[in-house]
C-alpha atoms as a PDB file:
ATOM      1  CA  MET A   1      51.137 111.388  17.751  1.00  0.00           C
ATOM      2  CA  LYS A   2      51.683 115.367  16.797  1.00  0.00           C
ATOM      3  CA  ASN A   3      54.026 115.455  20.483  1.00  0.00           C
ATOM      4  CA  LYS A   4      56.015 112.732  19.105  1.00  0.00           C
ATOM      5  CA  ILE A   5      55.911 115.811  15.804  1.00  0.00           C
ATOM      6  CA  VAL A   6      56.667 118.856  18.214  1.00  0.00           C
ATOM      7  CA  THR A   7      59.268 117.197  20.445  1.00  0.00           C
ATOM      8  CA  LYS A   8      61.621 115.824  17.326  1.00  0.00           C
ATOM      9  CA  ASP A   9      61.031 119.208  15.190  1.00  0.00           C
ATOM     10  CA  ARG A  10      62.663 121.066  18.498  1.00  0.00           C
ATOM     11  CA  ALA A  11      65.393 118.233  18.954  1.00  0.00           C
ATOM     12  CA  LYS A  12      66.695 119.142  15.032  1.00  0.00           C
ATOM     13  CA  ASN A  13      66.294 122.682  15.745  1.00  0.00           C
ATOM     14  CA  LEU A  14      68.198 122.420  18.677  1.00  0.00           C
ATOM     15  CA  SER A  15      71.082 120.422  16.908  1.00  0.00           C
ATOM     16  CA  LEU A  16      71.599 123.066  13.654  1.00  0.00           C
ATOM     17  CA  ILE A  17      71.905 125.669  16.541  1.00  0.00           C
ATOM     18  CA  PHE A  18      73.506 124.079  18.299  1.00  0.00           C
ATOM     19  CA  ILE A  19      76.401 123.805  15.500  1.00  0.00           C
ATOM     20  CA  GLY A  20      75.716 126.547  14.005  1.00  0.00           C
ATOM     21  CA  SER A  21      76.743 128.508  16.738  1.00  0.00           C
ATOM     22  CA  LEU A  22      79.902 125.971  16.894  1.00  0.00           C
ATOM     23  CA  LEU A  23      80.931 127.503  13.719  1.00  0.00           C
ATOM     24  CA  TYR A  24      80.181 130.728  14.138  1.00  0.00           C
ATOM     25  CA  ALA A  25      82.378 131.796  17.518  1.00  0.00           C
ATOM     26  CA  ILE A  26      85.190 129.437  15.255  1.00  0.00           C
ATOM     27  CA  SER A  27      84.763 132.209  12.850  1.00  0.00           C
ATOM     28  CA  VAL A  28      85.182 134.549  15.255  1.00  0.00           C
ATOM     29  CA  ASN A  29      87.555 133.617  17.719  1.00  0.00           C
ATOM     30  CA  VAL A  30      89.660 131.129  14.964  1.00  0.00           C
ATOM     31  CA  PHE A  31      89.413 133.424  12.000  1.00  0.00           C
ATOM     32  CA  THR A  32      88.727 136.502  12.321  1.00  0.00           C
ATOM     33  CA  VAL A  33      89.921 138.279  15.551  1.00  0.00           C
ATOM     34  CA  PRO A  34      93.871 136.518  15.341  1.00  0.00           C
ATOM     35  CA  ASN A  35      93.961 137.815  12.316  1.00  0.00           C
ATOM     36  CA  GLY A  36      92.930 141.618  13.052  1.00  0.00           C
ATOM     37  CA  LEU A  37      90.089 141.347  10.538  1.00  0.00           C
ATOM     38  CA  ALA A  38      86.450 142.967  10.428  1.00  0.00           C
ATOM     39  CA  GLU A  39      82.488 140.924  10.277  1.00  0.00           C
ATOM     40  CA  GLY A  40      79.509 143.238   9.463  1.00  0.00           C
ATOM     41  CA  GLY A  41      75.967 143.830  11.576  1.00  0.00           C
ATOM     42  CA  LEU A  42      76.530 143.838  15.299  1.00  0.00           C
ATOM     43  CA  THR A  43      78.682 141.299  15.207  1.00  0.00           C
ATOM     44  CA  GLY A  44      81.261 143.970  13.256  1.00  0.00           C
ATOM     45  CA  PHE A  45      80.048 146.703  16.331  1.00  0.00           C
ATOM     46  CA  SER A  46      80.732 144.223  19.457  1.00  0.00           C
ATOM     47  CA  LEU A  47      84.628 143.731  17.714  1.00  0.00           C
ATOM     48  CA  ILE A  48      85.104 147.056  16.713  1.00  0.00           C
ATOM     49  CA  LEU A  49      84.379 147.715  20.147  1.00  0.00           C
ATOM     50  CA  PHE A  50      87.534 144.745  21.440  1.00  0.00           C
ATOM     51  CA  TYR A  51      89.571 145.943  18.743  1.00  0.00           C
ATOM     52  CA  ILE A  52      89.190 150.033  20.661  1.00  0.00           C
ATOM     53  CA  LEU A  53      88.507 149.312  24.708  1.00  0.00           C
ATOM     54  CA  ARG A  54      89.289 145.534  24.637  1.00  0.00           C
ATOM     55  CA  ILE A  55      85.543 143.998  25.863  1.00  0.00           C
ATOM     56  CA  PRO A  56      85.245 140.683  24.969  1.00  0.00           C
ATOM     57  CA  PRO A  57      82.955 140.253  21.976  1.00  0.00           C
ATOM     58  CA  SER A  58      80.919 137.498  24.472  1.00  0.00           C
ATOM     59  CA  TYR A  59      79.299 140.134  26.496  1.00  0.00           C
ATOM     60  CA  THR A  60      79.397 142.815  23.422  1.00  0.00           C
ATOM     61  CA  ILE A  61      76.804 140.335  21.184  1.00  0.00           C
ATOM     62  CA  PHE A  62      75.158 139.072  23.679  1.00  0.00           C
ATOM     63  CA  ILE A  63      74.230 142.424  25.599  1.00  0.00           C
ATOM     64  CA  VAL A  64      73.723 144.140  22.263  1.00  0.00           C
ATOM     65  CA  ASN A  65      70.944 141.775  21.010  1.00  0.00           C
ATOM     66  CA  ILE A  66      69.315 141.456  23.837  1.00  0.00           C
ATOM     67  CA  VAL A  67      68.762 145.024  23.104  1.00  0.00           C
ATOM     68  CA  ILE A  68      67.578 144.237  19.608  1.00  0.00           C
ATOM     69  CA  LEU A  69      65.428 141.261  20.575  1.00  0.00           C
ATOM     70  CA  ALA A  70      63.669 143.697  23.066  1.00  0.00           C
ATOM     71  CA  ILE A  71      63.237 146.130  19.825  1.00  0.00           C
ATOM     72  CA  GLY A  72      62.384 143.255  16.743  1.00  0.00           C
ATOM     73  CA  TYR A  73      60.713 140.524  19.024  1.00  0.00           C
ATOM     74  CA  LYS A  74      57.521 141.679  18.142  1.00  0.00           C
ATOM     75  CA  PHE A  75      57.986 141.158  13.869  1.00  0.00           C
ATOM     76  CA  LEU A  76      59.153 137.580  15.286  1.00  0.00           C
ATOM     77  CA  ASP A  77      56.850 135.124  15.884  1.00  0.00           C
ATOM     78  CA  LYS A  78      56.926 133.016  18.785  1.00  0.00           C
ATOM     79  CA  ARG A  79      59.215 130.057  17.699  1.00  0.00           C
ATOM     80  CA  THR A  80      61.801 131.712  15.776  1.00  0.00           C
ATOM     81  CA  LEU A  81      61.830 134.213  19.285  1.00  0.00           C
ATOM     82  CA  TYR A  82      62.813 131.299  21.367  1.00  0.00           C
ATOM     83  CA  TYR A  83      65.173 129.792  18.994  1.00  0.00           C
ATOM     84  CA  THR A  84      66.574 133.229  18.424  1.00  0.00           C
ATOM     85  CA  LEU A  85      67.018 133.651  22.850  1.00  0.00           C
ATOM     86  CA  VAL A  86      69.079 130.449  22.578  1.00  0.00           C
ATOM     87  CA  ALA A  87      71.485 131.240  20.432  1.00  0.00           C
ATOM     88  CA  ASN A  88      72.175 134.382  21.448  1.00  0.00           C
ATOM     89  CA  GLY A  89      73.629 132.925  24.101  1.00  0.00           C
ATOM     90  CA  ILE A  90      74.914 129.465  23.468  1.00  0.00           C
ATOM     91  CA  ILE A  91      77.142 131.663  20.944  1.00  0.00           C
ATOM     92  CA  SER A  92      77.865 134.200  24.155  1.00  0.00           C
ATOM     93  CA  VAL A  93      79.037 130.256  25.573  1.00  0.00           C
ATOM     94  CA  LEU A  94      80.506 129.297  23.373  1.00  0.00           C
ATOM     95  CA  LEU A  95      82.709 132.395  22.200  1.00  0.00           C
ATOM     96  CA  LEU A  96      84.072 132.299  26.182  1.00  0.00           C
ATOM     97  CA  VAL A  97      85.014 128.178  25.279  1.00  0.00           C
ATOM     98  CA  VAL A  98      86.342 128.780  22.058  1.00  0.00           C
ATOM     99  CA  THR A  99      89.007 131.187  22.785  1.00  0.00           C
ATOM    100  CA  ASP A 100      92.897 129.123  22.057  1.00  0.00           C
ATOM    101  CA  TRP A 101      92.303 128.153  19.031  1.00  0.00           C
ATOM    102  CA  ALA A 102      93.526 130.827  16.878  1.00  0.00           C
ATOM    103  CA  PHE A 103      94.426 130.091  12.855  1.00  0.00           C
ATOM    104  CA  ILE A 104      97.136 132.953  11.438  1.00  0.00           C
ATOM    105  CA  PRO A 105      97.865 131.502   8.180  1.00  0.00           C
ATOM    106  CA  GLU A 106     101.733 132.791   6.279  1.00  0.00           C
ATOM    107  CA  THR A 107      98.768 133.742   2.813  1.00  0.00           C
ATOM    108  CA  THR A 108      96.520 136.233   4.143  1.00  0.00           C
ATOM    109  CA  LEU A 109      93.594 135.111   1.802  1.00  0.00           C
ATOM    110  CA  LEU A 110      93.376 131.919   3.934  1.00  0.00           C
ATOM    111  CA  ALA A 111      91.879 134.217   7.208  1.00  0.00           C
ATOM    112  CA  PRO A 112      88.613 135.429   4.877  1.00  0.00           C
ATOM    113  CA  ILE A 113      88.272 132.528   2.857  1.00  0.00           C
ATOM    114  CA  GLY A 114      87.677 130.215   6.200  1.00  0.00           C
ATOM    115  CA  SER A 115      86.107 132.859   8.517  1.00  0.00           C
ATOM    116  CA  GLY A 116      83.626 133.426   5.687  1.00  0.00           C
ATOM    117  CA  LEU A 117      83.056 129.849   5.604  1.00  0.00           C
ATOM    118  CA  PHE A 118      83.197 129.286   8.700  1.00  0.00           C
ATOM    119  CA  MET A 119      80.922 132.063   9.685  1.00  0.00           C
ATOM    120  CA  GLY A 120      78.132 131.734   6.527  1.00  0.00           C
ATOM    121  CA  ALA A 121      77.527 127.614   7.702  1.00  0.00           C
ATOM    122  CA  GLY A 122      76.967 128.568  10.609  1.00  0.00           C
ATOM    123  CA  ILE A 123      74.323 131.171  10.087  1.00  0.00           C
ATOM    124  CA  GLY A 124      73.055 129.124   7.452  1.00  0.00           C
ATOM    125  CA  LEU A 125      72.123 126.295   9.910  1.00  0.00           C
ATOM    126  CA  ILE A 126      71.096 128.479  12.873  1.00  0.00           C
ATOM    127  CA  MET A 127      68.723 129.402   9.816  1.00  0.00           C
ATOM    128  CA  LEU A 128      67.386 126.639   9.342  1.00  0.00           C
ATOM    129  CA  GLY A 129      66.581 125.259  12.513  1.00  0.00           C
ATOM    130  CA  HIS A 130      64.423 128.589  12.766  1.00  0.00           C
ATOM    131  CA  GLY A 131      66.381 131.147  14.688  1.00  0.00           C
ATOM    132  CA  THR A 132      68.619 134.087  14.218  1.00  0.00           C
ATOM    133  CA  THR A 133      71.517 135.299  16.018  1.00  0.00           C
ATOM    134  CA  ALA A 134      69.689 138.389  16.596  1.00  0.00           C
ATOM    135  CA  GLY A 135      71.153 141.629  15.447  1.00  0.00           C
ATOM    136  CA  SER A 136      70.715 142.161  11.676  1.00  0.00           C
ATOM    137  CA  ASP A 137      69.462 138.674  11.499  1.00  0.00           C
ATOM    138  CA  ILE A 138      66.477 140.271  12.663  1.00  0.00           C
ATOM    139  CA  ILE A 139      66.828 143.695  10.491  1.00  0.00           C
ATOM    140  CA  ALA A 140      67.255 140.358   7.635  1.00  0.00           C
ATOM    141  CA  LYS A 141      64.567 139.172   7.960  1.00  0.00           C
ATOM    142  CA  LEU A 142      62.471 142.153   8.603  1.00  0.00           C
ATOM    143  CA  LEU A 143      63.629 143.077   5.047  1.00  0.00           C
ATOM    144  CA  GLN A 144      62.507 139.572   3.806  1.00  0.00           C
ATOM    145  CA  LYS A 145      59.135 140.560   5.036  1.00  0.00           C
ATOM    146  CA  TYR A 146      58.453 143.385   4.603  1.00  0.00           C
ATOM    147  CA  ALA A 147      60.926 144.296   1.130  1.00  0.00           C
ATOM    148  CA  GLY A 148      60.936 141.166  -0.477  1.00  0.00           C
ATOM    149  CA  MET A 149      64.446 141.271  -0.086  1.00  0.00           C
ATOM    150  CA  ASN A 150      66.070 137.303   0.481  1.00  0.00           C
ATOM    151  CA  ILE A 151      68.489 137.111   3.669  1.00  0.00           C
ATOM    152  CA  PRO A 152      71.769 136.796   1.573  1.00  0.00           C
ATOM    153  CA  THR A 153      71.303 140.240  -0.354  1.00  0.00           C
ATOM    154  CA  ALA A 154      69.864 142.015   3.556  1.00  0.00           C
ATOM    155  CA  LEU A 155      73.072 140.996   5.341  1.00  0.00           C
ATOM    156  CA  LEU A 156      75.570 141.592   2.309  1.00  0.00           C
ATOM    157  CA  LEU A 157      73.974 145.624   2.285  1.00  0.00           C
ATOM    158  CA  ILE A 158      73.477 145.446   6.358  1.00  0.00           C
ATOM    159  CA  ASP A 159      77.224 144.372   6.696  1.00  0.00           C
ATOM    160  CA  ILE A 160      78.787 146.523   4.513  1.00  0.00           C
ATOM    161  CA  PHE A 161      77.793 149.175   5.845  1.00  0.00           C
ATOM    162  CA  ILE A 162      78.987 148.299   9.621  1.00  0.00           C
ATOM    163  CA  VAL A 163      82.348 147.472   7.886  1.00  0.00           C
ATOM    164  CA  VAL A 164      83.544 150.564   6.022  1.00  0.00           C
ATOM    165  CA  PRO A 165      83.852 153.031   8.989  1.00  0.00           C
ATOM    166  CA  SER A 166      86.299 150.131  10.610  1.00  0.00           C
ATOM    167  CA  ALA A 167      89.202 150.815   7.333  1.00  0.00           C
ATOM    168  CA  PHE A 168      89.543 154.095  10.102  1.00  0.00           C
ATOM    169  CA  ILE A 169      90.402 150.694  12.827  1.00  0.00           C
ATOM    170  CA  ILE A 170      91.836 148.129  11.002  1.00  0.00           C
ATOM    171  CA  GLY A 171      93.002 149.388   8.607  1.00  0.00           C
ATOM    172  CA  ALA A 172      92.249 149.951   4.240  1.00  0.00           C
ATOM    173  CA  GLU A 173      93.355 145.964   3.665  1.00  0.00           C
ATOM    174  CA  ASN A 174      91.930 144.416   6.436  1.00  0.00           C
ATOM    175  CA  VAL A 175      88.933 145.677   5.798  1.00  0.00           C
ATOM    176  CA  PHE A 176      89.256 144.356   2.126  1.00  0.00           C
ATOM    177  CA  LEU A 177      89.851 141.501   3.338  1.00  0.00           C
ATOM    178  CA  THR A 178      86.857 141.186   5.047  1.00  0.00           C
ATOM    179  CA  LEU A 179      84.232 142.305   2.532  1.00  0.00           C
ATOM    180  CA  VAL A 180      85.845 139.076   0.950  1.00  0.00           C
ATOM    181  CA  ASN A 181      85.040 137.040   4.009  1.00  0.00           C
ATOM    182  CA  LEU A 182      81.491 138.489   4.252  1.00  0.00           C
ATOM    183  CA  TYR A 183      80.883 138.133  -0.042  1.00  0.00           C
ATOM    184  CA  ILE A 184      81.983 134.412   1.016  1.00  0.00           C
ATOM    185  CA  GLN A 185      79.086 134.456   3.934  1.00  0.00           C
ATOM    186  CA  SER A 186      76.751 135.275   1.892  1.00  0.00           C
ATOM    187  CA  LYS A 187      77.058 132.493  -0.807  1.00  0.00           C
ATOM    188  CA  VAL A 188      77.414 129.932   2.486  1.00  0.00           C
ATOM    189  CA  ILE A 189      74.370 131.116   3.320  1.00  0.00           C
ATOM    190  CA  ASP A 190      72.738 130.701  -0.064  1.00  0.00           C
ATOM    191  CA  PHE A 191      73.850 127.461  -0.917  1.00  0.00           C
ATOM    192  CA  ILE A 192      72.333 125.949   2.495  1.00  0.00           C
ATOM    193  CA  LEU A 193      69.336 128.096   2.563  1.00  0.00           C
ATOM    194  CA  GLU A 194      68.547 127.387  -0.937  1.00  0.00           C
ATOM    195  CA  GLY A 195      70.173 123.804  -1.584  1.00  0.00           C
ATOM    196  CA  LEU A 196      73.109 122.978  -3.919  1.00  0.00           C
ATOM    197  CA  ASN A 197      71.018 122.781  -7.232  1.00  0.00           C
ATOM    198  CA  PRO A 198      68.592 125.341  -6.787  1.00  0.00           C
ATOM    199  CA  ARG A 199      65.385 124.978  -9.451  1.00  0.00           C
ATOM    200  CA  LYS A 200      64.508 127.901 -12.828  1.00  0.00           C
ATOM    201  CA  SER A 201      61.056 128.246 -14.042  1.00  0.00           C
ATOM    202  CA  PHE A 202      61.159 129.452 -18.037  1.00  0.00           C
ATOM    203  CA  PHE A 203      57.787 131.342 -19.270  1.00  0.00           C
ATOM    204  CA  ILE A 204      58.261 130.673 -23.212  1.00  0.00           C
ATOM    205  CA  ILE A 205      55.551 132.143 -25.585  1.00  0.00           C
ATOM    206  CA  SER A 206      56.609 130.748 -28.991  1.00  0.00           C
ATOM    207  CA  ALA A 207      54.409 130.850 -32.342  1.00  0.00           C
ATOM    208  CA  LYS A 208      55.479 127.011 -32.084  1.00  0.00           C
ATOM    209  CA  HIS A 209      54.875 126.254 -28.715  1.00  0.00           C
ATOM    210  CA  VAL A 210      54.006 122.796 -29.555  1.00  0.00           C
ATOM    211  CA  GLU A 211      57.048 121.996 -31.310  1.00  0.00           C
ATOM    212  CA  VAL A 212      58.450 123.308 -28.387  1.00  0.00           C
ATOM    213  CA  ALA A 213      57.399 121.238 -25.430  1.00  0.00           C
ATOM    214  CA  GLU A 214      57.538 118.164 -27.608  1.00  0.00           C
ATOM    215  CA  ALA A 215      61.178 118.069 -28.192  1.00  0.00           C
ATOM    216  CA  ILE A 216      61.496 120.132 -24.341  1.00  0.00           C
ATOM    217  CA  GLU A 217      59.336 116.325 -23.365  1.00  0.00           C
ATOM    218  CA  GLN A 218      61.256 114.456 -25.447  1.00  0.00           C
ATOM    219  CA  GLN A 219      65.074 115.408 -24.355  1.00  0.00           C
ATOM    220  CA  LEU A 220      64.386 116.536 -20.337  1.00  0.00           C
ATOM    221  CA  GLY A 221      61.928 114.083 -20.023  1.00  0.00           C
ATOM    222  CA  ARG A 222      59.997 117.517 -18.201  1.00  0.00           C
ATOM    223  CA  GLY A 223      56.407 118.530 -16.976  1.00  0.00           C
ATOM    224  CA  ILE A 224      55.278 121.151 -19.409  1.00  0.00           C
ATOM    225  CA  THR A 225      52.331 122.922 -18.835  1.00  0.00           C
ATOM    226  CA  LEU A 226      50.260 125.113 -21.551  1.00  0.00           C
ATOM    227  CA  LEU A 227      48.705 128.380 -20.299  1.00  0.00           C
ATOM    228  CA  ASN A 228      46.451 130.316 -21.700  1.00  0.00           C
ATOM    229  CA  GLY A 229      46.835 134.296 -22.309  1.00  0.00           C
ATOM    230  CA  LYS A 230      46.549 136.762 -24.747  1.00  0.00           C
ATOM    231  CA  GLY A 231      48.485 139.742 -25.722  1.00  0.00           C
ATOM    232  CA  TYR A 232      47.540 143.226 -24.010  1.00  0.00           C
ATOM    233  CA  TYR A 233      47.585 145.196 -27.643  1.00  0.00           C
ATOM    234  CA  THR A 234      46.906 142.806 -30.166  1.00  0.00           C
ATOM    235  CA  LYS A 235      44.503 141.054 -28.619  1.00  0.00           C
ATOM    236  CA  GLU A 236      45.828 137.394 -29.924  1.00  0.00           C
ATOM    237  CA  GLU A 237      45.030 133.914 -28.006  1.00  0.00           C
ATOM    238  CA  LYS A 238      48.333 132.835 -26.964  1.00  0.00           C
ATOM    239  CA  GLU A 239      49.982 129.360 -25.757  1.00  0.00           C
ATOM    240  CA  ILE A 240      52.283 130.093 -22.862  1.00  0.00           C
ATOM    241  CA  ILE A 241      54.305 127.466 -21.560  1.00  0.00           C
ATOM    242  CA  TYR A 242      55.078 126.612 -17.836  1.00  0.00           C
ATOM    243  CA  ILE A 243      58.273 124.677 -16.971  1.00  0.00           C
ATOM    244  CA  ILE A 244      60.448 123.920 -13.997  1.00  0.00           C
ATOM    245  CA  ILE A 245      63.970 123.208 -13.969  1.00  0.00           C
ATOM    246  CA  ASN A 246      67.778 122.048 -12.353  1.00  0.00           C
ATOM    247  CA  ARG A 247      69.983 124.784 -13.091  1.00  0.00           C
ATOM    248  CA  ARG A 248      72.439 122.276 -15.334  1.00  0.00           C
ATOM    249  CA  GLU A 249      68.900 121.920 -17.538  1.00  0.00           C
ATOM    250  CA  VAL A 250      68.851 125.953 -18.517  1.00  0.00           C
ATOM    251  CA  LEU A 251      71.251 126.043 -21.172  1.00  0.00           C
ATOM    252  CA  ARG A 252      69.741 123.136 -23.414  1.00  0.00           C
ATOM    253  CA  VAL A 253      66.157 124.261 -23.380  1.00  0.00           C
ATOM    254  CA  LYS A 254      67.307 127.717 -24.382  1.00  0.00           C
ATOM    255  CA  ARG A 255      69.075 125.882 -27.271  1.00  0.00           C
ATOM    256  CA  ILE A 256      65.999 123.618 -28.321  1.00  0.00           C
ATOM    257  CA  VAL A 257      64.022 126.891 -27.992  1.00  0.00           C
ATOM    258  CA  GLU A 258      66.522 129.249 -30.276  1.00  0.00           C
ATOM    259  CA  MET A 259      66.870 126.280 -32.855  1.00  0.00           C
ATOM    260  CA  ILE A 260      62.850 126.002 -33.359  1.00  0.00           C
ATOM    261  CA  ASP A 261      61.771 129.722 -33.053  1.00  0.00           C
ATOM    262  CA  PRO A 262      64.773 131.835 -32.698  1.00  0.00           C
ATOM    263  CA  ASN A 263      62.240 134.511 -31.614  1.00  0.00           C
ATOM    264  CA  ALA A 264      60.382 132.780 -29.184  1.00  0.00           C
ATOM    265  CA  PHE A 265      60.027 135.120 -25.876  1.00  0.00           C
ATOM    266  CA  MET A 266      61.400 133.397 -23.077  1.00  0.00           C
ATOM    267  CA  THR A 267      62.146 134.522 -19.353  1.00  0.00           C
ATOM    268  CA  ILE A 268      63.823 132.702 -16.519  1.00  0.00           C
ATOM    269  CA  SER A 269      63.724 132.908 -13.388  1.00  0.00           C
ATOM    270  CA  HIS A 270      64.799 131.166  -9.674  1.00  0.00           C
ATOM    271  CA  VAL A 271      62.594 129.112  -7.532  1.00  0.00           C
ATOM    272  CA  GLN A 272      62.874 129.278  -3.727  1.00  0.00           C
ATOM    273  CA  GLU A 273      61.334 125.651  -3.698  1.00  0.00           C
ATOM    274  CA  VAL A 274      59.719 122.976  -5.350  1.00  0.00           C
ATOM    275  CA  THR A 275      57.699 120.195  -3.675  1.00  0.00           C
ATOM    276  CA  GLY A 276      55.703 117.165  -6.451  1.00  0.00           C
ATOM    277  CA  GLU A 277      55.281 115.196  -9.204  1.00  0.00           C
ATOM    278  CA  GLY A 278      58.970 114.710 -10.878  1.00  0.00           C
ATOM    279  CA  PHE A 279      60.907 116.681  -7.407  1.00  0.00           C
ATOM    280  CA  THR A 280      59.936 116.355  -3.631  1.00  0.00           C
ATOM    281  CA  TYR A 281      57.634 115.306  -1.904  1.00  0.00           C
ATOM    282  CA  LEU A 282      56.559 116.450   1.696  1.00  0.00           C
ATOM    283  CA  SER A 283      56.087 113.747   3.872  1.00  0.00           C
ATOM    284  CA  GLU A 284      53.421 113.615   6.295  1.00  0.00           C
ATOM    285  CA  GLU A 285      55.466 115.426   9.303  1.00  0.00           C
ATOM    286  CA  VAL A 286      56.623 118.088   7.177  1.00  0.00           C
ATOM    287  CA  GLN A 287      53.727 118.989   5.829  1.00  0.00           C
ATOM    288  CA  ALA A 288      52.402 119.189   9.309  1.00  0.00           C
ATOM    289  CA  GLN A 289      55.824 121.269  10.400  1.00  0.00           C
ATOM    290  CA  ARG A 290      54.385 123.541   7.354  1.00  0.00           C
ATOM    291  CA  ILE A 291      51.114 123.921   8.190  1.00  0.00           C
ATOM    292  CA  THR A 292      52.133 124.206  12.160  1.00  0.00           C
ATOM    293  CA  GLU A 293      54.622 127.415  10.243  1.00  0.00           C
ATOM    294  CA  ALA A 294      51.813 129.114   8.572  1.00  0.00           C
ATOM    295  CA  GLN A 295      49.616 129.191  11.580  1.00  0.00           C
ATOM    296  CA  GLU A 296      52.111 131.030  13.988  1.00  0.00           C
ATOM    297  CA  GLU A 297      52.674 133.425  10.977  1.00  0.00           C
ATOM    298  CA  TRP A 298      48.837 134.001  10.844  1.00  0.00           C
ATOM    299  CA  ASP A 299      48.285 134.588  14.289  1.00  0.00           C
ATOM    300  CA  SER A 300      51.583 136.244  15.092  1.00  0.00           C
ATOM    301  CA  GLU A 301      49.947 139.058  11.547  1.00  0.00           C
ATOM    302  CA  ALA A 302      47.187 138.440  13.654  1.00  0.00           C
ATOM    303  CA  ILE A 303      48.912 140.438  16.420  1.00  0.00           C
ATOM    304  CA  GLU A 304      50.469 142.785  14.609  1.00  0.00           C
END
């Protein structure tokens, strides 16, 4: 049973990585290079070398990423390292294959939009397949692991540091178009990794917590948790309402609370993933997969 789960999981990951790599190659060769745009991370570095020395990006991307992997492999678990090597190889090959599909639109803005959509989708799918495109993706994973930064934001910051100097090569106008490309990339990656309808969590402290909880339950039908709290300064015991809702329900909850108790204290936070009653249950296969992933991470940290 375990071998079947592993085989199915591997096939799924490899499929995601192949599709993501194809989208990545299309972004570079169809939208970015023909329109003289730059890119972020080591792909951007490879494009700078291409514009100056005419060295094909497929070669420099492969070589530079191998160097980065040699330096940063110990920060990745074995599975991520394996899928990253696979992704790096597939991308390099597809960059050589997808060469004659240039798209040069009459409307200039379409080029960075197309590049951002394809690159963001490509990187997102590769990450869903538990791989990275190496380079800045590895750095982003390190920032996520050790600095708590989410991956899209980390990638965007790294990309900006690469893109801005390229203004001396591709011109200021194309740099601004590239920044549009990178912004779209980050949003698409965010969408793929976090889903169409991310959740929000509320912590609500109110003297009328019973009325607030009843109103939320009646109007939204969401489960509510009451937590026991105590004010540090006042030493007063308080009931804290904790609830997780869909993004589209945020305004309704705020209005309910403000109507019942305008003085209520609320915090709203983004929730990466929710499983369980009222949301999503994990299948046995996914549970087994999560356990395997956690064990690999523990083993990797133990080695470090």
